[in-house]
Amino acid sequence: MELRERIIDTSTELFMSNGCKSVTMDEVASANGISKRTLYEHFKDKTNLLEECLVSMEEKMRELGERAFNGSKSIIEMVCLEHETQTDLVINMRIRFFEELKKFYPALYDKMYGRFLDYHKVTTKKFLERGQQEGLFLKNIDMDLVGKMIFEIANLIQNSEIFSLENHSRKQLFRESLVMYFRGISTEEGIKMIDKYLNIKE
């Protein structure tokens, strides 16, 4: 692994664990066993490093998404596996990181948020079309509207001001909102598959 790539990986862990505001370039250099001078040879400042970390996170997210999409037997299986792998620790770490990013680095947040929106539109359309081709999602749904609903629901359940972990786990919120939303746009066959996963009896 090249030094630049190693710095990005190590810095991403630092930012996610400790927050993007509190982590200093001194700490980044120390965590990577390099001098600040060497660090600044690769990244002009902390904002530049943060952006590179976000780009790296985006690339890994795309890779994981493609792997899940191509590796699942059906689109419903993909939804159920996504629910199964939800962990409060990781989700809340990500929520805190992006809340800080939005507050202290608004320009960078807006830039990356716009890129994510574009990616979401493409992947959601692909996701819904596959569900229809498999006979698991209804044919007469409005793709654009449903895509926006899925995105807004996902944003809502990650809003710590509305849903705190004191009353509900993120996994429970995912089940009661997104999984149930997908159930609502599913055909009878899709509903049977979701109900089997959720252990819902007729």
N, C-alpha and C. Protein backbone atom coordinates (compact mmCIF):
# COMPACT_ATOMS: atom_id res chain seq x y z
N MET A 1 0.84 -1.20 0.00
CA MET A 1 0.00 0.00 0.00
C MET A 1 0.88 1.25 0.00
N GLU A 2 0.61 2.16 -0.91
CA GLU A 2 1.39 3.39 -0.99
C GLU A 2 1.11 4.29 0.22
N LEU A 3 2.09 5.17 0.52
CA LEU A 3 1.98 6.03 1.70
C LEU A 3 0.72 6.88 1.65
N ARG A 4 0.43 7.49 0.52
CA ARG A 4 -0.74 8.36 0.41
C ARG A 4 -2.02 7.59 0.73
N GLU A 5 -2.13 6.38 0.20
CA GLU A 5 -3.32 5.56 0.44
C GLU A 5 -3.40 5.16 1.91
N ARG A 6 -2.24 4.85 2.51
CA ARG A 6 -2.22 4.47 3.93
C ARG A 6 -2.64 5.65 4.81
N ILE A 7 -2.17 6.84 4.45
CA ILE A 7 -2.55 8.03 5.21
C ILE A 7 -4.07 8.24 5.15
N ILE A 8 -4.64 8.08 3.97
CA ILE A 8 -6.09 8.26 3.79
C ILE A 8 -6.86 7.24 4.63
N ASP A 9 -6.45 5.98 4.60
CA ASP A 9 -7.14 4.93 5.37
C ASP A 9 -7.06 5.20 6.87
N THR A 10 -5.86 5.54 7.35
CA THR A 10 -5.67 5.81 8.77
C THR A 10 -6.44 7.05 9.20
N SER A 11 -6.40 8.09 8.38
CA SER A 11 -7.09 9.35 8.69
C SER A 11 -8.60 9.16 8.71
N THR A 12 -9.11 8.35 7.79
CA THR A 12 -10.55 8.08 7.77
C THR A 12 -11.00 7.46 9.08
N GLU A 13 -10.23 6.50 9.59
CA GLU A 13 -10.56 5.88 10.87
C GLU A 13 -10.53 6.89 12.01
N LEU A 14 -9.53 7.77 11.96
CA LEU A 14 -9.42 8.81 13.00
C LEU A 14 -10.61 9.76 12.96
N PHE A 15 -10.94 10.23 11.77
CA PHE A 15 -12.06 11.18 11.62
C PHE A 15 -13.39 10.53 12.03
N MET A 16 -13.58 9.29 11.64
CA MET A 16 -14.84 8.60 11.96
C MET A 16 -14.95 8.33 13.46
N SER A 17 -13.84 7.99 14.09
CA SER A 17 -13.86 7.64 15.52
C SER A 17 -13.90 8.87 16.43
N ASN A 18 -13.15 9.91 16.05
CA ASN A 18 -12.98 11.06 16.95
C ASN A 18 -13.64 12.35 16.47
N GLY A 19 -14.17 12.34 15.24
CA GLY A 19 -14.81 13.53 14.71
C GLY A 19 -13.84 14.32 13.85
N CYS A 20 -14.36 14.96 12.81
CA CYS A 20 -13.49 15.66 11.87
C CYS A 20 -12.96 16.98 12.42
N LYS A 21 -13.59 17.52 13.45
CA LYS A 21 -13.14 18.80 14.00
C LYS A 21 -11.96 18.62 14.96
N SER A 22 -12.06 17.62 15.84
CA SER A 22 -11.06 17.49 16.90
C SER A 22 -9.73 16.91 16.42
N VAL A 23 -9.75 16.10 15.37
CA VAL A 23 -8.51 15.48 14.88
C VAL A 23 -7.61 16.55 14.26
N THR A 24 -6.37 16.59 14.68
CA THR A 24 -5.42 17.57 14.16
C THR A 24 -4.45 16.91 13.17
N MET A 25 -3.79 17.73 12.40
CA MET A 25 -2.79 17.21 11.45
C MET A 25 -1.60 16.61 12.20
N ASP A 26 -1.32 17.10 13.40
CA ASP A 26 -0.27 16.51 14.23
C ASP A 26 -0.63 15.06 14.57
N GLU A 27 -1.90 14.85 14.94
CA GLU A 27 -2.36 13.50 15.28
C GLU A 27 -2.34 12.58 14.07
N VAL A 28 -2.70 13.12 12.91
CA VAL A 28 -2.68 12.34 11.67
C VAL A 28 -1.25 11.90 11.35
N ALA A 29 -0.32 12.85 11.47
CA ALA A 29 1.08 12.54 11.19
C ALA A 29 1.60 11.48 12.16
N SER A 30 1.27 11.65 13.44
CA SER A 30 1.71 10.71 14.47
C SER A 30 1.13 9.31 14.24
N ALA A 31 -0.15 9.25 13.90
CA ALA A 31 -0.81 7.95 13.68
C ALA A 31 -0.21 7.21 12.49
N ASN A 32 0.36 7.96 11.56
CA ASN A 32 0.95 7.35 10.37
C ASN A 32 2.47 7.19 10.47
N GLY A 33 3.03 7.63 11.60
CA GLY A 33 4.46 7.49 11.81
C GLY A 33 5.29 8.32 10.85
N ILE A 34 4.77 9.50 10.51
CA ILE A 34 5.48 10.39 9.58
C ILE A 34 5.55 11.79 10.17
N SER A 35 6.36 12.64 9.57
CA SER A 35 6.45 14.03 10.02
C SER A 35 5.33 14.85 9.39
N LYS A 36 5.04 16.00 9.99
CA LYS A 36 4.03 16.89 9.41
C LYS A 36 4.48 17.39 8.04
N ARG A 37 5.76 17.53 7.89
CA ARG A 37 6.29 17.99 6.60
C ARG A 37 5.94 16.98 5.51
N THR A 38 6.13 15.69 5.81
CA THR A 38 5.79 14.64 4.84
C THR A 38 4.30 14.63 4.57
N LEU A 39 3.50 14.82 5.62
CA LEU A 39 2.04 14.85 5.48
C LEU A 39 1.62 15.96 4.52
N TYR A 40 2.22 17.15 4.70
CA TYR A 40 1.85 18.31 3.86
C TYR A 40 2.41 18.20 2.43
N GLU A 41 3.31 17.27 2.22
CA GLU A 41 3.77 17.02 0.86
C GLU A 41 2.70 16.29 0.04
N HIS A 42 1.81 15.60 0.76
CA HIS A 42 0.75 14.83 0.11
C HIS A 42 -0.60 15.55 0.15
N PHE A 43 -0.83 16.35 1.18
CA PHE A 43 -2.12 17.05 1.35
C PHE A 43 -1.84 18.48 1.78
N LYS A 44 -2.42 19.44 1.06
CA LYS A 44 -2.08 20.84 1.33
C LYS A 44 -2.62 21.33 2.66
N ASP A 45 -3.75 20.76 3.12
CA ASP A 45 -4.29 21.14 4.42
C ASP A 45 -5.28 20.07 4.88
N LYS A 46 -5.88 20.29 6.03
CA LYS A 46 -6.80 19.32 6.62
C LYS A 46 -8.06 19.15 5.76
N THR A 47 -8.55 20.23 5.18
CA THR A 47 -9.73 20.15 4.32
C THR A 47 -9.46 19.27 3.11
N ASN A 48 -8.28 19.41 2.53
CA ASN A 48 -7.88 18.59 1.39
C ASN A 48 -7.82 17.11 1.78
N LEU A 49 -7.26 16.84 2.96
CA LEU A 49 -7.19 15.47 3.46
C LEU A 49 -8.59 14.90 3.71
N LEU A 50 -9.43 15.72 4.32
CA LEU A 50 -10.82 15.30 4.57
C LEU A 50 -11.53 14.93 3.27
N GLU A 51 -11.35 15.76 2.26
CA GLU A 51 -12.00 15.50 0.98
C GLU A 51 -11.51 14.18 0.37
N GLU A 52 -10.20 13.94 0.45
CA GLU A 52 -9.66 12.70 -0.08
C GLU A 52 -10.21 11.49 0.69
N CYS A 53 -10.40 11.64 1.99
CA CYS A 53 -10.98 10.57 2.80
C CYS A 53 -12.42 10.30 2.38
N LEU A 54 -13.17 11.36 2.12
CA LEU A 54 -14.56 11.23 1.69
C LEU A 54 -14.67 10.58 0.32
N VAL A 55 -13.78 10.94 -0.58
CA VAL A 55 -13.76 10.33 -1.91
C VAL A 55 -13.46 8.84 -1.79
N SER A 56 -12.51 8.50 -0.92
CA SER A 56 -12.17 7.10 -0.69
C SER A 56 -13.35 6.33 -0.11
N MET A 57 -14.06 6.96 0.85
CA MET A 57 -15.25 6.33 1.45
C MET A 57 -16.32 6.11 0.40
N GLU A 58 -16.48 7.09 -0.50
CA GLU A 58 -17.47 6.97 -1.56
C GLU A 58 -17.13 5.81 -2.49
N GLU A 59 -15.87 5.68 -2.85
CA GLU A 59 -15.44 4.60 -3.74
C GLU A 59 -15.69 3.23 -3.10
N LYS A 60 -15.40 3.12 -1.81
CA LYS A 60 -15.63 1.86 -1.11
C LYS A 60 -17.11 1.56 -0.99
N MET A 61 -17.92 2.60 -0.79
CA MET A 61 -19.37 2.43 -0.73
C MET A 61 -19.91 1.91 -2.05
N ARG A 62 -19.39 2.45 -3.16
CA ARG A 62 -19.81 2.00 -4.48
C ARG A 62 -19.43 0.54 -4.70
N GLU A 63 -18.23 0.17 -4.29
CA GLU A 63 -17.76 -1.20 -4.45
C GLU A 63 -18.62 -2.17 -3.64
N LEU A 64 -18.90 -1.80 -2.39
CA LEU A 64 -19.74 -2.65 -1.54
C LEU A 64 -21.15 -2.77 -2.10
N GLY A 65 -21.68 -1.65 -2.62
CA GLY A 65 -23.02 -1.65 -3.21
C GLY A 65 -23.10 -2.56 -4.42
N GLU A 66 -22.09 -2.47 -5.28
CA GLU A 66 -22.05 -3.32 -6.47
C GLU A 66 -21.94 -4.78 -6.10
N ARG A 67 -21.12 -5.07 -5.10
CA ARG A 67 -20.94 -6.44 -4.65
C ARG A 67 -22.25 -7.01 -4.08
N ALA A 68 -22.94 -6.19 -3.29
CA ALA A 68 -24.21 -6.64 -2.71
C ALA A 68 -25.26 -6.84 -3.80
N PHE A 69 -25.29 -5.92 -4.77
CA PHE A 69 -26.27 -5.99 -5.86
C PHE A 69 -26.03 -7.23 -6.71
N ASN A 70 -24.78 -7.46 -7.09
CA ASN A 70 -24.45 -8.58 -7.98
C ASN A 70 -24.43 -9.92 -7.25
N GLY A 71 -24.19 -9.88 -5.93
CA GLY A 71 -24.08 -11.13 -5.19
C GLY A 71 -25.37 -11.65 -4.60
N SER A 72 -26.43 -10.82 -4.62
CA SER A 72 -27.71 -11.26 -4.04
C SER A 72 -28.53 -12.03 -5.05
N LYS A 73 -29.25 -13.04 -4.57
CA LYS A 73 -30.09 -13.87 -5.43
C LYS A 73 -31.31 -13.09 -5.92
N SER A 74 -31.80 -12.16 -5.12
CA SER A 74 -32.95 -11.33 -5.49
C SER A 74 -32.82 -9.99 -4.81
N ILE A 75 -33.60 -9.03 -5.27
CA ILE A 75 -33.53 -7.69 -4.69
C ILE A 75 -34.08 -7.69 -3.26
N ILE A 76 -35.04 -8.57 -2.97
CA ILE A 76 -35.57 -8.67 -1.61
C ILE A 76 -34.51 -9.24 -0.67
N GLU A 77 -33.75 -10.21 -1.16
CA GLU A 77 -32.66 -10.76 -0.35
C GLU A 77 -31.66 -9.66 -0.01
N MET A 78 -31.41 -8.79 -0.97
CA MET A 78 -30.48 -7.68 -0.75
C MET A 78 -31.00 -6.75 0.35
N VAL A 79 -32.29 -6.44 0.33
CA VAL A 79 -32.90 -5.59 1.36
C VAL A 79 -32.77 -6.25 2.74
N CYS A 80 -33.07 -7.54 2.81
CA CYS A 80 -33.02 -8.26 4.08
C CYS A 80 -31.60 -8.35 4.62
N LEU A 81 -30.63 -8.57 3.73
CA LEU A 81 -29.23 -8.62 4.16
C LEU A 81 -28.76 -7.27 4.66
N GLU A 82 -29.22 -6.20 4.00
CA GLU A 82 -28.87 -4.84 4.43
C GLU A 82 -29.39 -4.60 5.84
N HIS A 83 -30.62 -5.05 6.10
CA HIS A 83 -31.20 -4.91 7.43
C HIS A 83 -30.43 -5.73 8.45
N GLU A 84 -30.07 -6.93 8.06
CA GLU A 84 -29.38 -7.86 8.96
C GLU A 84 -28.03 -7.33 9.41
N THR A 85 -27.37 -6.59 8.55
CA THR A 85 -26.01 -6.13 8.86
C THR A 85 -25.98 -4.76 9.52
N GLN A 86 -27.15 -4.19 9.82
CA GLN A 86 -27.18 -2.89 10.49
C GLN A 86 -26.57 -3.00 11.90
N THR A 87 -25.67 -2.10 12.24
CA THR A 87 -25.10 -2.05 13.58
C THR A 87 -25.16 -0.62 14.08
N ASP A 88 -25.66 -0.44 15.29
CA ASP A 88 -25.82 0.90 15.86
C ASP A 88 -24.48 1.61 16.00
N LEU A 89 -23.43 0.88 16.35
CA LEU A 89 -22.13 1.48 16.56
C LEU A 89 -21.62 2.17 15.29
N VAL A 90 -21.63 1.44 14.19
CA VAL A 90 -21.14 1.98 12.92
C VAL A 90 -22.03 3.11 12.42
N ILE A 91 -23.35 2.91 12.48
CA ILE A 91 -24.28 3.93 11.99
C ILE A 91 -24.15 5.23 12.77
N ASN A 92 -24.07 5.13 14.09
CA ASN A 92 -23.99 6.34 14.91
C ASN A 92 -22.64 7.05 14.76
N MET A 93 -21.60 6.27 14.52
CA MET A 93 -20.29 6.86 14.25
C MET A 93 -20.36 7.68 12.96
N ARG A 94 -21.02 7.11 11.95
CA ARG A 94 -21.15 7.79 10.66
C ARG A 94 -22.03 9.03 10.79
N ILE A 95 -23.11 8.93 11.56
CA ILE A 95 -24.02 10.07 11.76
C ILE A 95 -23.27 11.23 12.41
N ARG A 96 -22.52 10.95 13.48
CA ARG A 96 -21.78 12.00 14.19
C ARG A 96 -20.76 12.66 13.27
N PHE A 97 -20.09 11.83 12.47
CA PHE A 97 -19.07 12.35 11.56
C PHE A 97 -19.68 13.34 10.57
N PHE A 98 -20.79 12.95 9.93
CA PHE A 98 -21.39 13.82 8.92
C PHE A 98 -22.09 15.03 9.53
N GLU A 99 -22.57 14.92 10.76
CA GLU A 99 -23.13 16.09 11.43
C GLU A 99 -22.04 17.13 11.67
N GLU A 100 -20.87 16.66 12.10
CA GLU A 100 -19.73 17.58 12.30
C GLU A 100 -19.25 18.16 10.98
N LEU A 101 -19.20 17.32 9.96
CA LEU A 101 -18.75 17.78 8.65
C LEU A 101 -19.66 18.90 8.15
N LYS A 102 -20.95 18.72 8.30
CA LYS A 102 -21.92 19.73 7.85
C LYS A 102 -21.77 21.03 8.61
N LYS A 103 -21.46 20.93 9.90
CA LYS A 103 -21.36 22.12 10.75
C LYS A 103 -20.05 22.88 10.54
N PHE A 104 -18.94 22.16 10.45
CA PHE A 104 -17.63 22.82 10.42
C PHE A 104 -16.99 22.90 9.04
N TYR A 105 -17.48 22.08 8.10
CA TYR A 105 -16.94 22.12 6.72
C TYR A 105 -18.11 22.11 5.74
N PRO A 106 -18.98 23.14 5.80
CA PRO A 106 -20.21 23.15 5.00
C PRO A 106 -20.00 23.07 3.49
N ALA A 107 -18.99 23.74 2.98
CA ALA A 107 -18.74 23.72 1.53
C ALA A 107 -18.37 22.31 1.06
N LEU A 108 -17.52 21.65 1.85
CA LEU A 108 -17.11 20.28 1.51
C LEU A 108 -18.29 19.32 1.65
N TYR A 109 -19.09 19.53 2.69
CA TYR A 109 -20.27 18.69 2.90
C TYR A 109 -21.23 18.81 1.71
N ASP A 110 -21.50 20.04 1.28
CA ASP A 110 -22.42 20.26 0.16
C ASP A 110 -21.90 19.62 -1.12
N LYS A 111 -20.61 19.71 -1.34
CA LYS A 111 -19.99 19.13 -2.53
C LYS A 111 -20.16 17.62 -2.55
N MET A 112 -19.85 16.97 -1.44
CA MET A 112 -19.94 15.51 -1.37
C MET A 112 -21.39 15.04 -1.32
N TYR A 113 -22.25 15.83 -0.70
CA TYR A 113 -23.67 15.48 -0.63
C TYR A 113 -24.28 15.49 -2.03
N GLY A 114 -23.87 16.45 -2.85
CA GLY A 114 -24.36 16.51 -4.23
C GLY A 114 -23.92 15.30 -5.02
N ARG A 115 -22.68 14.86 -4.82
CA ARG A 115 -22.18 13.66 -5.50
C ARG A 115 -22.96 12.43 -5.06
N PHE A 116 -23.25 12.36 -3.77
CA PHE A 116 -23.99 11.22 -3.24
C PHE A 116 -25.42 11.19 -3.79
N LEU A 117 -26.03 12.35 -3.91
CA LEU A 117 -27.39 12.42 -4.47
C LEU A 117 -27.42 11.88 -5.90
N ASP A 118 -26.46 12.27 -6.69
CA ASP A 118 -26.38 11.79 -8.07
C ASP A 118 -26.22 10.27 -8.11
N TYR A 119 -25.36 9.76 -7.24
CA TYR A 119 -25.12 8.31 -7.16
C TYR A 119 -26.39 7.58 -6.72
N HIS A 120 -27.07 8.17 -5.74
CA HIS A 120 -28.30 7.55 -5.21
C HIS A 120 -29.38 7.43 -6.29
N LYS A 121 -29.54 8.47 -7.09
CA LYS A 121 -30.56 8.45 -8.14
C LYS A 121 -30.33 7.31 -9.12
N VAL A 122 -29.09 7.13 -9.52
CA VAL A 122 -28.74 6.08 -10.49
C VAL A 122 -28.94 4.70 -9.88
N THR A 123 -28.41 4.49 -8.67
CA THR A 123 -28.48 3.16 -8.07
C THR A 123 -29.90 2.77 -7.65
N THR A 124 -30.69 3.75 -7.18
CA THR A 124 -32.06 3.44 -6.78
C THR A 124 -32.90 3.03 -7.98
N LYS A 125 -32.72 3.70 -9.10
CA LYS A 125 -33.44 3.35 -10.33
C LYS A 125 -33.07 1.92 -10.76
N LYS A 126 -31.80 1.63 -10.70
CA LYS A 126 -31.30 0.30 -11.06
C LYS A 126 -31.89 -0.76 -10.11
N PHE A 127 -31.94 -0.43 -8.83
CA PHE A 127 -32.47 -1.30 -7.79
C PHE A 127 -33.96 -1.60 -8.04
N LEU A 128 -34.73 -0.54 -8.28
CA LEU A 128 -36.17 -0.71 -8.49
C LEU A 128 -36.48 -1.46 -9.79
N GLU A 129 -35.72 -1.16 -10.83
CA GLU A 129 -35.93 -1.85 -12.11
C GLU A 129 -35.66 -3.34 -11.99
N ARG A 130 -34.62 -3.70 -11.23
CA ARG A 130 -34.34 -5.11 -11.03
C ARG A 130 -35.48 -5.78 -10.27
N GLY A 131 -36.00 -5.10 -9.24
CA GLY A 131 -37.12 -5.65 -8.48
C GLY A 131 -38.33 -5.89 -9.35
N GLN A 132 -38.59 -4.99 -10.28
CA GLN A 132 -39.71 -5.17 -11.22
C GLN A 132 -39.45 -6.32 -12.17
N GLN A 133 -38.25 -6.43 -12.68
CA GLN A 133 -37.90 -7.52 -13.60
C GLN A 133 -38.02 -8.88 -12.92
N GLU A 134 -37.75 -8.92 -11.63
CA GLU A 134 -37.85 -10.17 -10.88
C GLU A 134 -39.28 -10.46 -10.44
N GLY A 135 -40.19 -9.52 -10.73
CA GLY A 135 -41.59 -9.71 -10.34
C GLY A 135 -41.84 -9.50 -8.86
N LEU A 136 -40.96 -8.75 -8.20
CA LEU A 136 -41.06 -8.54 -6.75
C LEU A 136 -41.54 -7.14 -6.37
N PHE A 137 -41.36 -6.18 -7.27
CA PHE A 137 -41.87 -4.83 -7.06
C PHE A 137 -42.98 -4.54 -8.07
N LEU A 138 -43.95 -3.74 -7.65
CA LEU A 138 -45.07 -3.39 -8.52
C LEU A 138 -44.59 -2.62 -9.75
N LYS A 139 -45.27 -2.82 -10.86
CA LYS A 139 -44.88 -2.18 -12.11
C LYS A 139 -45.34 -0.73 -12.20
N ASN A 140 -46.43 -0.40 -11.52
CA ASN A 140 -47.04 0.92 -11.70
C ASN A 140 -46.60 1.95 -10.66
N ILE A 141 -45.35 1.84 -10.19
CA ILE A 141 -44.85 2.83 -9.23
C ILE A 141 -44.14 3.96 -9.97
N ASP A 142 -44.14 5.14 -9.37
CA ASP A 142 -43.45 6.30 -9.93
C ASP A 142 -41.98 6.23 -9.47
N MET A 143 -41.09 5.90 -10.39
CA MET A 143 -39.69 5.66 -10.06
C MET A 143 -39.04 6.85 -9.34
N ASP A 144 -39.24 8.06 -9.87
CA ASP A 144 -38.63 9.24 -9.28
C ASP A 144 -39.15 9.50 -7.87
N LEU A 145 -40.46 9.40 -7.71
CA LEU A 145 -41.07 9.66 -6.41
C LEU A 145 -40.64 8.61 -5.39
N VAL A 146 -40.67 7.35 -5.78
CA VAL A 146 -40.27 6.27 -4.87
C VAL A 146 -38.80 6.42 -4.49
N GLY A 147 -37.96 6.77 -5.46
CA GLY A 147 -36.55 6.98 -5.18
C GLY A 147 -36.32 8.08 -4.15
N LYS A 148 -37.06 9.18 -4.28
CA LYS A 148 -36.95 10.28 -3.32
C LYS A 148 -37.43 9.85 -1.94
N MET A 149 -38.52 9.06 -1.91
CA MET A 149 -39.06 8.58 -0.63
C MET A 149 -38.04 7.71 0.10
N ILE A 150 -37.42 6.80 -0.64
CA ILE A 150 -36.42 5.91 -0.04
C ILE A 150 -35.28 6.73 0.54
N PHE A 151 -34.81 7.72 -0.21
CA PHE A 151 -33.71 8.56 0.24
C PHE A 151 -34.09 9.34 1.49
N GLU A 152 -35.29 9.92 1.49
CA GLU A 152 -35.71 10.73 2.64
C GLU A 152 -35.96 9.88 3.87
N ILE A 153 -36.48 8.67 3.69
CA ILE A 153 -36.68 7.77 4.83
C ILE A 153 -35.34 7.40 5.44
N ALA A 154 -34.36 7.07 4.57
CA ALA A 154 -33.03 6.72 5.04
C ALA A 154 -32.41 7.88 5.82
N ASN A 155 -32.59 9.11 5.34
CA ASN A 155 -32.08 10.29 6.04
C ASN A 155 -32.78 10.48 7.38
N LEU A 156 -34.08 10.28 7.37
CA LEU A 156 -34.89 10.50 8.57
C LEU A 156 -34.50 9.58 9.72
N ILE A 157 -34.32 8.29 9.42
CA ILE A 157 -34.02 7.35 10.50
C ILE A 157 -32.59 7.51 11.03
N GLN A 158 -31.77 8.29 10.32
CA GLN A 158 -30.43 8.56 10.81
C GLN A 158 -30.33 9.92 11.49
N ASN A 159 -31.48 10.57 11.66
CA ASN A 159 -31.51 11.87 12.32
C ASN A 159 -31.60 11.66 13.83
N SER A 160 -30.48 11.90 14.52
CA SER A 160 -30.43 11.63 15.96
C SER A 160 -31.31 12.57 16.78
N GLU A 161 -31.69 13.72 16.21
CA GLU A 161 -32.56 14.65 16.93
C GLU A 161 -33.99 14.14 16.96
N ILE A 162 -34.38 13.38 15.94
CA ILE A 162 -35.74 12.83 15.88
C ILE A 162 -35.81 11.44 16.50
N PHE A 163 -34.83 10.60 16.17
CA PHE A 163 -34.80 9.24 16.70
C PHE A 163 -33.50 9.01 17.46
N SER A 164 -33.58 9.00 18.78
CA SER A 164 -32.40 8.73 19.59
C SER A 164 -32.35 7.24 19.91
N LEU A 165 -31.16 6.77 20.23
CA LEU A 165 -31.00 5.35 20.55
C LEU A 165 -31.53 4.99 21.93
N GLU A 166 -32.00 5.98 22.66
CA GLU A 166 -32.55 5.69 23.99
C GLU A 166 -33.82 4.85 23.87
N ASN A 167 -34.55 5.04 22.77
CA ASN A 167 -35.82 4.34 22.62
C ASN A 167 -35.81 3.28 21.51
N HIS A 168 -35.00 3.49 20.47
CA HIS A 168 -35.01 2.57 19.34
C HIS A 168 -33.59 2.36 18.82
N SER A 169 -33.32 1.12 18.38
CA SER A 169 -32.05 0.86 17.73
C SER A 169 -32.18 1.24 16.27
N ARG A 170 -31.06 1.52 15.61
CA ARG A 170 -31.09 1.85 14.18
C ARG A 170 -31.63 0.67 13.38
N LYS A 171 -31.31 -0.53 13.83
CA LYS A 171 -31.79 -1.73 13.13
C LYS A 171 -33.31 -1.81 13.19
N GLN A 172 -33.88 -1.50 14.35
CA GLN A 172 -35.34 -1.49 14.50
C GLN A 172 -35.96 -0.42 13.61
N LEU A 173 -35.34 0.76 13.57
CA LEU A 173 -35.85 1.84 12.73
C LEU A 173 -35.81 1.45 11.25
N PHE A 174 -34.74 0.80 10.85
CA PHE A 174 -34.61 0.34 9.46
C PHE A 174 -35.73 -0.65 9.14
N ARG A 175 -36.01 -1.54 10.08
CA ARG A 175 -37.07 -2.54 9.87
C ARG A 175 -38.43 -1.89 9.74
N GLU A 176 -38.74 -0.99 10.66
CA GLU A 176 -40.08 -0.41 10.72
C GLU A 176 -40.33 0.66 9.65
N SER A 177 -39.29 1.12 9.00
CA SER A 177 -39.49 2.14 7.97
C SER A 177 -39.14 1.61 6.59
N LEU A 178 -37.86 1.42 6.33
CA LEU A 178 -37.45 1.02 4.97
C LEU A 178 -37.94 -0.36 4.56
N VAL A 179 -37.76 -1.36 5.45
CA VAL A 179 -38.21 -2.71 5.09
C VAL A 179 -39.71 -2.71 4.85
N MET A 180 -40.45 -2.01 5.70
CA MET A 180 -41.90 -1.96 5.55
C MET A 180 -42.30 -1.13 4.32
N TYR A 181 -41.50 -0.14 3.99
CA TYR A 181 -41.79 0.64 2.78
C TYR A 181 -41.62 -0.24 1.55
N PHE A 182 -40.56 -1.02 1.52
CA PHE A 182 -40.35 -1.93 0.40
C PHE A 182 -41.48 -2.96 0.33
N ARG A 183 -41.99 -3.36 1.48
CA ARG A 183 -43.13 -4.29 1.51
C ARG A 183 -44.34 -3.65 0.83
N GLY A 184 -44.48 -2.35 1.03
CA GLY A 184 -45.63 -1.64 0.46
C GLY A 184 -45.59 -1.51 -1.05
N ILE A 185 -44.40 -1.56 -1.66
CA ILE A 185 -44.31 -1.46 -3.12
C ILE A 185 -44.07 -2.83 -3.75
N SER A 186 -44.20 -3.88 -2.94
CA SER A 186 -43.92 -5.23 -3.44
C SER A 186 -45.17 -5.92 -3.98
N THR A 187 -44.94 -6.87 -4.87
CA THR A 187 -46.01 -7.74 -5.37
C THR A 187 -46.29 -8.79 -4.28
N GLU A 188 -47.26 -9.65 -4.52
CA GLU A 188 -47.57 -10.71 -3.54
C GLU A 188 -46.34 -11.57 -3.27
N GLU A 189 -45.61 -11.88 -4.33
CA GLU A 189 -44.40 -12.71 -4.17
C GLU A 189 -43.36 -11.99 -3.32
N GLY A 190 -43.18 -10.68 -3.57
CA GLY A 190 -42.23 -9.91 -2.79
C GLY A 190 -42.64 -9.82 -1.33
N ILE A 191 -43.93 -9.64 -1.09
CA ILE A 191 -44.46 -9.56 0.29
C ILE A 191 -44.22 -10.87 1.02
N LYS A 192 -44.41 -11.98 0.36
CA LYS A 192 -44.19 -13.30 0.97
C LYS A 192 -42.73 -13.44 1.41
N MET A 193 -41.82 -12.98 0.56
CA MET A 193 -40.39 -13.09 0.88
C MET A 193 -40.02 -12.21 2.07
N ILE A 194 -40.56 -10.99 2.10
CA ILE A 194 -40.27 -10.09 3.23
C ILE A 194 -40.90 -10.62 4.51
N ASP A 195 -42.14 -11.08 4.41
CA ASP A 195 -42.81 -11.61 5.60
C ASP A 195 -42.10 -12.84 6.16
N LYS A 196 -41.56 -13.66 5.26
CA LYS A 196 -40.82 -14.84 5.71
C LYS A 196 -39.59 -14.40 6.48
N TYR A 197 -38.92 -13.38 5.98
CA TYR A 197 -37.72 -12.87 6.66
C TYR A 197 -38.08 -12.27 8.02
N LEU A 198 -39.16 -11.52 8.07
CA LEU A 198 -39.59 -10.86 9.30
C LEU A 198 -40.39 -11.78 10.22
N ASN A 199 -40.60 -13.01 9.77
CA ASN A 199 -41.37 -13.99 10.54
C ASN A 199 -42.80 -13.52 10.82
N ILE A 200 -43.41 -12.91 9.81
CA ILE A 200 -44.81 -12.47 9.93
C ILE A 200 -45.72 -13.61 9.49
N LYS A 201 -46.64 -13.99 10.35
CA LYS A 201 -47.58 -15.09 10.04
C LYS A 201 -48.88 -14.52 9.52
N GLU A 202 -49.49 -15.24 8.58
CA GLU A 202 -50.79 -14.80 8.05
C GLU A 202 -51.87 -15.06 9.09
